[in-house]
Amino acid sequence: MKVLIVDDNAAVRTTLKMVLAGEFDDVAAVGDPKLLPALLSAGNIDAVLLDMNFDNHKLDGSDGIFWLERIKECEDAPAVVLITAFGDVPLAVEAMKRGAEDFVTKPWDNDELIAKLRRAINKNRLHREEGRSLNKARELEEKVSRQEQMTLEEMKRSHIMSVIERCGGNLTAAAEQLGVKRQTLYNVLKKV
């Protein structure tokens, strides 16, 4: 499991890295949330531990909410656990509504933080798996719907092309699987 810490306080980043290093496979830390798009593009981050405030003049959590929303826009977005010294219940509720899996206040309890990150990662993985399953079901439903509207010639062409694809483009193997001679397959392909 890979965790990314995003906090503008170097001492907090160092402490969090030390706390999490023995619990997760890989722990990275950055101070600038503007690096998030590049860091998340590889798709290998399981969780982001995100500070809520990056501007010392504005401690309302709006920075964290902004970056939370950018993270959640990513395809296969990682779990997000927000962390702040200025947390309050309404802010936590708002963060959860916008997709955060959990919320931690500074100073934190190490065991509680680790447990929250693990739960967030597991919850997020389950949610992504459910999403993939739903997408597969939709795709299958659309395919069946398209097939029901096909003419006999279109079904024949579709079947032949799927067999050829399964055979890696090998027409000899495809002809064998279709139970026809290779020349017959060539002749059929010319017509369809």
C-alpha atoms as a PDB file:
ATOM      1  CA  MET A   1       0.000   0.000   0.000  1.00  0.00           C
ATOM      2  CA  LYS A   2       1.306   3.423  -0.977  1.00  0.00           C
ATOM      3  CA  VAL A   3       0.425   6.526   1.033  1.00  0.00           C
ATOM      4  CA  LEU A   4       1.104  10.112  -0.040  1.00  0.00           C
ATOM      5  CA  ILE A   5       1.313  12.802   2.656  1.00  0.00           C
ATOM      6  CA  VAL A   6       0.557  16.352   1.524  1.00  0.00           C
ATOM      7  CA  ASP A   7       1.294  18.909   4.249  1.00  0.00           C
ATOM      8  CA  ASP A   8       3.091  22.265   4.036  1.00  0.00           C
ATOM      9  CA  ASN A   9       4.727  21.803   7.455  1.00  0.00           C
ATOM     10  CA  ALA A  10       8.074  19.991   7.027  1.00  0.00           C
ATOM     11  CA  ALA A  11       8.129  18.785  10.656  1.00  0.00           C
ATOM     12  CA  VAL A  12       4.651  17.277  10.306  1.00  0.00           C
ATOM     13  CA  ARG A  13       5.653  15.570   7.019  1.00  0.00           C
ATOM     14  CA  THR A  14       8.765  14.082   8.611  1.00  0.00           C
ATOM     15  CA  THR A  15       6.873  12.871  11.686  1.00  0.00           C
ATOM     16  CA  LEU A  16       4.060  11.357   9.636  1.00  0.00           C
ATOM     17  CA  LYS A  17       6.560   9.598   7.363  1.00  0.00           C
ATOM     18  CA  MET A  18       8.261   8.060  10.403  1.00  0.00           C
ATOM     19  CA  VAL A  19       4.934   6.955  11.904  1.00  0.00           C
ATOM     20  CA  LEU A  20       3.617   5.432   8.678  1.00  0.00           C
ATOM     21  CA  ALA A  21       6.851   3.992   7.233  1.00  0.00           C
ATOM     22  CA  GLY A  22       6.661   0.725   9.156  1.00  0.00           C
ATOM     23  CA  GLU A  23       2.956   0.255   8.456  1.00  0.00           C
ATOM     24  CA  PHE A  24       2.705   0.814   4.697  1.00  0.00           C
ATOM     25  CA  ASP A  25       4.814  -0.416   1.758  1.00  0.00           C
ATOM     26  CA  ASP A  26       5.677   3.039   0.490  1.00  0.00           C
ATOM     27  CA  VAL A  27       5.208   6.458   2.085  1.00  0.00           C
ATOM     28  CA  ALA A  28       5.944   9.647   0.155  1.00  0.00           C
ATOM     29  CA  ALA A  29       5.530  13.233   1.338  1.00  0.00           C
ATOM     30  CA  VAL A  30       5.303  16.595  -0.401  1.00  0.00           C
ATOM     31  CA  GLY A  31       4.666  20.123   0.835  1.00  0.00           C
ATOM     32  CA  ASP A  32       2.935  21.566  -2.214  1.00  0.00           C
ATOM     33  CA  PRO A  33      -0.522  20.283  -3.218  1.00  0.00           C
ATOM     34  CA  LYS A  34       0.062  21.593  -6.760  1.00  0.00           C
ATOM     35  CA  LEU A  35       2.205  18.471  -7.267  1.00  0.00           C
ATOM     36  CA  LEU A  36      -0.848  16.210  -6.769  1.00  0.00           C
ATOM     37  CA  PRO A  37      -1.937  15.916 -10.426  1.00  0.00           C
ATOM     38  CA  ALA A  38       1.511  14.716 -11.495  1.00  0.00           C
ATOM     39  CA  LEU A  39       1.918  12.392  -8.510  1.00  0.00           C
ATOM     40  CA  LEU A  40      -1.521  10.831  -8.976  1.00  0.00           C
ATOM     41  CA  SER A  41      -1.203  10.363 -12.739  1.00  0.00           C
ATOM     42  CA  ALA A  42       0.593   7.026 -12.327  1.00  0.00           C
ATOM     43  CA  GLY A  43      -2.438   5.619 -10.502  1.00  0.00           C
ATOM     44  CA  ASN A  44      -0.347   3.816  -7.885  1.00  0.00           C
ATOM     45  CA  ILE A  45      -1.312   5.799  -4.765  1.00  0.00           C
ATOM     46  CA  ASP A  46      -3.702   4.010  -2.391  1.00  0.00           C
ATOM     47  CA  ALA A  47      -4.321   6.921  -0.017  1.00  0.00           C
ATOM     48  CA  VAL A  48      -3.598  10.614   0.319  1.00  0.00           C
ATOM     49  CA  LEU A  49      -3.245  12.086   3.803  1.00  0.00           C
ATOM     50  CA  LEU A  50      -4.133  15.676   2.953  1.00  0.00           C
ATOM     51  CA  ASP A  51      -3.697  18.760   5.123  1.00  0.00           C
ATOM     52  CA  MET A  52      -6.697  21.099   5.094  1.00  0.00           C
ATOM     53  CA  ASN A  53      -4.822  24.407   5.153  1.00  0.00           C
ATOM     54  CA  PHE A  54      -1.941  25.564   2.955  1.00  0.00           C
ATOM     55  CA  ASP A  55      -2.413  29.320   3.338  1.00  0.00           C
ATOM     56  CA  ASN A  56      -1.596  30.703   6.810  1.00  0.00           C
ATOM     57  CA  HIS A  57      -3.964  33.633   6.249  1.00  0.00           C
ATOM     58  CA  LYS A  58      -6.942  31.418   5.484  1.00  0.00           C
ATOM     59  CA  LEU A  59      -7.478  28.590   7.982  1.00  0.00           C
ATOM     60  CA  ASP A  60     -11.016  27.626   6.977  1.00  0.00           C
ATOM     61  CA  GLY A  61     -10.175  24.316   5.291  1.00  0.00           C
ATOM     62  CA  SER A  62     -11.089  25.558   1.810  1.00  0.00           C
ATOM     63  CA  ASP A  63      -7.645  24.575   0.458  1.00  0.00           C
ATOM     64  CA  GLY A  64      -8.153  21.002   1.589  1.00  0.00           C
ATOM     65  CA  ILE A  65     -11.684  20.866   0.142  1.00  0.00           C
ATOM     66  CA  PHE A  66     -10.383  22.240  -3.179  1.00  0.00           C
ATOM     67  CA  TRP A  67      -7.629  19.609  -3.426  1.00  0.00           C
ATOM     68  CA  LEU A  68      -9.938  16.853  -2.196  1.00  0.00           C
ATOM     69  CA  GLU A  69     -12.256  17.589  -5.119  1.00  0.00           C
ATOM     70  CA  ARG A  70      -9.329  17.570  -7.596  1.00  0.00           C
ATOM     71  CA  ILE A  71      -8.173  14.196  -6.245  1.00  0.00           C
ATOM     72  CA  LYS A  72     -11.663  12.691  -6.461  1.00  0.00           C
ATOM     73  CA  GLU A  73     -11.940  13.803 -10.115  1.00  0.00           C
ATOM     74  CA  CYS A  74      -9.109  11.402 -11.008  1.00  0.00           C
ATOM     75  CA  GLU A  75      -9.903   8.065 -12.569  1.00  0.00           C
ATOM     76  CA  ASP A  76      -9.488   5.383  -9.879  1.00  0.00           C
ATOM     77  CA  ALA A  77      -8.990   8.118  -7.281  1.00  0.00           C
ATOM     78  CA  PRO A  78      -7.156   7.097  -4.104  1.00  0.00           C
ATOM     79  CA  ALA A  79      -8.704   7.236  -0.658  1.00  0.00           C
ATOM     80  CA  VAL A  80      -8.388  10.642   0.999  1.00  0.00           C
ATOM     81  CA  VAL A  81      -8.012  11.197   4.735  1.00  0.00           C
ATOM     82  CA  LEU A  82      -7.926  14.861   5.706  1.00  0.00           C
ATOM     83  CA  ILE A  83      -5.789  16.121   8.561  1.00  0.00           C
ATOM     84  CA  THR A  84      -5.875  19.531  10.242  1.00  0.00           C
ATOM     85  CA  ALA A  85      -5.125  21.355  13.458  1.00  0.00           C
ATOM     86  CA  PHE A  86      -8.175  23.560  12.969  1.00  0.00           C
ATOM     87  CA  GLY A  87     -10.819  20.912  12.410  1.00  0.00           C
ATOM     88  CA  ASP A  88     -14.384  21.146  13.503  1.00  0.00           C
ATOM     89  CA  VAL A  89     -17.490  19.020  13.015  1.00  0.00           C
ATOM     90  CA  PRO A  90     -19.066  21.062  10.169  1.00  0.00           C
ATOM     91  CA  LEU A  91     -15.768  20.973   8.244  1.00  0.00           C
ATOM     92  CA  ALA A  92     -15.486  17.208   8.720  1.00  0.00           C
ATOM     93  CA  VAL A  93     -19.067  16.716   7.542  1.00  0.00           C
ATOM     94  CA  GLU A  94     -18.439  18.882   4.468  1.00  0.00           C
ATOM     95  CA  ALA A  95     -15.269  16.929   3.656  1.00  0.00           C
ATOM     96  CA  MET A  96     -17.094  13.594   3.916  1.00  0.00           C
ATOM     97  CA  LYS A  97     -19.866  14.864   1.626  1.00  0.00           C
ATOM     98  CA  ARG A  98     -17.241  15.735  -0.960  1.00  0.00           C
ATOM     99  CA  GLY A  99     -15.621  12.317  -0.934  1.00  0.00           C
ATOM    100  CA  ALA A 100     -13.144  12.152   1.950  1.00  0.00           C
ATOM    101  CA  GLU A 101     -13.052   8.732   3.559  1.00  0.00           C
ATOM    102  CA  ASP A 102     -12.089  10.094   6.979  1.00  0.00           C
ATOM    103  CA  PHE A 103     -10.854  13.074   8.984  1.00  0.00           C
ATOM    104  CA  VAL A 104      -8.050  13.354  11.563  1.00  0.00           C
ATOM    105  CA  THR A 105      -7.197  16.264  13.855  1.00  0.00           C
ATOM    106  CA  LYS A 106      -3.697  17.305  14.933  1.00  0.00           C
ATOM    107  CA  PRO A 107      -2.259  16.239  17.249  1.00  0.00           C
ATOM    108  CA  TRP A 108      -3.190  12.734  16.195  1.00  0.00           C
ATOM    109  CA  ASP A 109      -3.069   9.340  17.834  1.00  0.00           C
ATOM    110  CA  ASN A 110      -0.679   7.133  15.796  1.00  0.00           C
ATOM    111  CA  ASP A 111      -2.707   3.933  16.108  1.00  0.00           C
ATOM    112  CA  GLU A 112      -5.944   5.726  15.273  1.00  0.00           C
ATOM    113  CA  LEU A 113      -4.344   7.413  12.247  1.00  0.00           C
ATOM    114  CA  ILE A 114      -3.002   4.110  10.914  1.00  0.00           C
ATOM    115  CA  ALA A 115      -6.356   2.405  11.469  1.00  0.00           C
ATOM    116  CA  LYS A 116      -8.215   5.224   9.688  1.00  0.00           C
ATOM    117  CA  LEU A 117      -5.854   5.061   6.714  1.00  0.00           C
ATOM    118  CA  ARG A 118      -6.227   1.272   6.438  1.00  0.00           C
ATOM    119  CA  ARG A 119     -10.047   1.503   6.659  1.00  0.00           C
ATOM    120  CA  ALA A 120     -10.067   4.297   4.087  1.00  0.00           C
ATOM    121  CA  ILE A 121      -7.930   2.281   1.669  1.00  0.00           C
ATOM    122  CA  ASN A 122     -10.102  -0.824   2.073  1.00  0.00           C
ATOM    123  CA  LYS A 123     -13.319   1.170   1.679  1.00  0.00           C
ATOM    124  CA  ASN A 124     -11.971   2.924  -1.398  1.00  0.00           C
ATOM    125  CA  ARG A 125     -10.809  -0.345  -2.996  1.00  0.00           C
ATOM    126  CA  LEU A 126     -14.219  -1.895  -2.406  1.00  0.00           C
ATOM    127  CA  HIS A 127     -15.933   1.155  -3.909  1.00  0.00           C
ATOM    128  CA  ARG A 128     -13.673   1.029  -7.002  1.00  0.00           C
ATOM    129  CA  GLU A 129     -14.317  -2.712  -7.435  1.00  0.00           C
ATOM    130  CA  GLU A 130     -18.063  -2.117  -7.230  1.00  0.00           C
ATOM    131  CA  GLY A 131     -17.730   0.634  -9.834  1.00  0.00           C
ATOM    132  CA  ARG A 132     -15.787  -1.657 -12.172  1.00  0.00           C
ATOM    133  CA  SER A 133     -18.391  -4.403 -11.733  1.00  0.00           C
ATOM    134  CA  LEU A 134     -21.203  -1.975 -12.512  1.00  0.00           C
ATOM    135  CA  ASN A 135     -19.362  -0.739 -15.604  1.00  0.00           C
ATOM    136  CA  LYS A 136     -18.832  -4.310 -16.816  1.00  0.00           C
ATOM    137  CA  ALA A 137     -22.509  -5.069 -16.271  1.00  0.00           C
ATOM    138  CA  ARG A 138     -23.513  -1.947 -18.233  1.00  0.00           C
ATOM    139  CA  GLU A 139     -21.148  -2.837 -21.079  1.00  0.00           C
ATOM    140  CA  LEU A 140     -22.531  -6.366 -21.221  1.00  0.00           C
ATOM    141  CA  GLU A 141     -26.096  -5.048 -21.205  1.00  0.00           C
ATOM    142  CA  GLU A 142     -25.279  -2.655 -24.059  1.00  0.00           C
ATOM    143  CA  LYS A 143     -23.610  -5.445 -26.034  1.00  0.00           C
ATOM    144  CA  VAL A 144     -26.633  -7.710 -25.617  1.00  0.00           C
ATOM    145  CA  SER A 145     -28.928  -4.857 -26.625  1.00  0.00           C
ATOM    146  CA  ARG A 146     -26.865  -4.196 -29.766  1.00  0.00           C
ATOM    147  CA  GLN A 147     -26.825  -7.910 -30.617  1.00  0.00           C
ATOM    148  CA  GLU A 148     -30.607  -8.129 -30.296  1.00  0.00           C
ATOM    149  CA  GLN A 149     -30.924  -5.457 -32.964  1.00  0.00           C
ATOM    150  CA  MET A 150     -28.434  -7.034 -35.402  1.00  0.00           C
ATOM    151  CA  THR A 151     -29.375  -8.573 -38.707  1.00  0.00           C
ATOM    152  CA  LEU A 152     -28.277 -12.139 -39.426  1.00  0.00           C
ATOM    153  CA  GLU A 153     -25.430 -10.872 -41.630  1.00  0.00           C
ATOM    154  CA  GLU A 154     -24.250  -8.480 -38.910  1.00  0.00           C
ATOM    155  CA  MET A 155     -24.309 -11.299 -36.337  1.00  0.00           C
ATOM    156  CA  LYS A 156     -22.339 -13.539 -38.686  1.00  0.00           C
ATOM    157  CA  ARG A 157     -19.709 -10.826 -39.240  1.00  0.00           C
ATOM    158  CA  SER A 158     -19.517 -10.054 -35.511  1.00  0.00           C
ATOM    159  CA  HIS A 159     -19.020 -13.713 -34.637  1.00  0.00           C
ATOM    160  CA  ILE A 160     -16.352 -14.231 -37.294  1.00  0.00           C
ATOM    161  CA  MET A 161     -14.460 -11.105 -36.204  1.00  0.00           C
ATOM    162  CA  SER A 162     -14.557 -12.115 -32.528  1.00  0.00           C
ATOM    163  CA  VAL A 163     -13.177 -15.573 -33.382  1.00  0.00           C
ATOM    164  CA  ILE A 164     -10.411 -13.993 -35.467  1.00  0.00           C
ATOM    165  CA  GLU A 165      -9.626 -11.632 -32.590  1.00  0.00           C
ATOM    166  CA  ARG A 166      -9.509 -14.517 -30.077  1.00  0.00           C
ATOM    167  CA  CYS A 167      -7.078 -16.279 -32.420  1.00  0.00           C
ATOM    168  CA  GLY A 168      -4.818 -13.250 -32.462  1.00  0.00           C
ATOM    169  CA  GLY A 169      -5.514 -12.576 -36.136  1.00  0.00           C
ATOM    170  CA  ASN A 170      -4.439 -16.080 -37.183  1.00  0.00           C
ATOM    171  CA  LEU A 171      -6.900 -16.888 -39.991  1.00  0.00           C
ATOM    172  CA  THR A 172      -5.893 -20.560 -40.168  1.00  0.00           C
ATOM    173  CA  ALA A 173      -6.687 -21.060 -36.479  1.00  0.00           C
ATOM    174  CA  ALA A 174      -9.894 -19.002 -36.819  1.00  0.00           C
ATOM    175  CA  ALA A 175     -11.053 -21.074 -39.810  1.00  0.00           C
ATOM    176  CA  GLU A 176     -10.385 -24.251 -37.839  1.00  0.00           C
ATOM    177  CA  GLN A 177     -12.354 -22.936 -34.852  1.00  0.00           C
ATOM    178  CA  LEU A 178     -15.235 -21.903 -37.125  1.00  0.00           C
ATOM    179  CA  GLY A 179     -15.234 -25.332 -38.756  1.00  0.00           C
ATOM    180  CA  VAL A 180     -14.532 -24.043 -42.287  1.00  0.00           C
ATOM    181  CA  LYS A 181     -11.606 -24.148 -44.681  1.00  0.00           C
ATOM    182  CA  ARG A 182      -9.255 -21.198 -44.736  1.00  0.00           C
ATOM    183  CA  GLN A 183     -10.252 -20.290 -48.316  1.00  0.00           C
ATOM    184  CA  THR A 184     -13.923 -20.321 -47.286  1.00  0.00           C
ATOM    185  CA  LEU A 185     -13.117 -17.903 -44.481  1.00  0.00           C
ATOM    186  CA  TYR A 186     -11.293 -15.626 -46.950  1.00  0.00           C
ATOM    187  CA  ASN A 187     -14.313 -15.688 -49.273  1.00  0.00           C
ATOM    188  CA  VAL A 188     -16.704 -14.900 -46.405  1.00  0.00           C
ATOM    189  CA  LEU A 189     -14.494 -12.014 -45.238  1.00  0.00           C
ATOM    190  CA  LYS A 190     -14.565 -10.500 -48.731  1.00  0.00           C
ATOM    191  CA  LYS A 191     -18.381 -10.444 -48.640  1.00  0.00           C
ATOM    192  CA  VAL A 192     -18.849  -9.085 -45.120  1.00  0.00           C
END
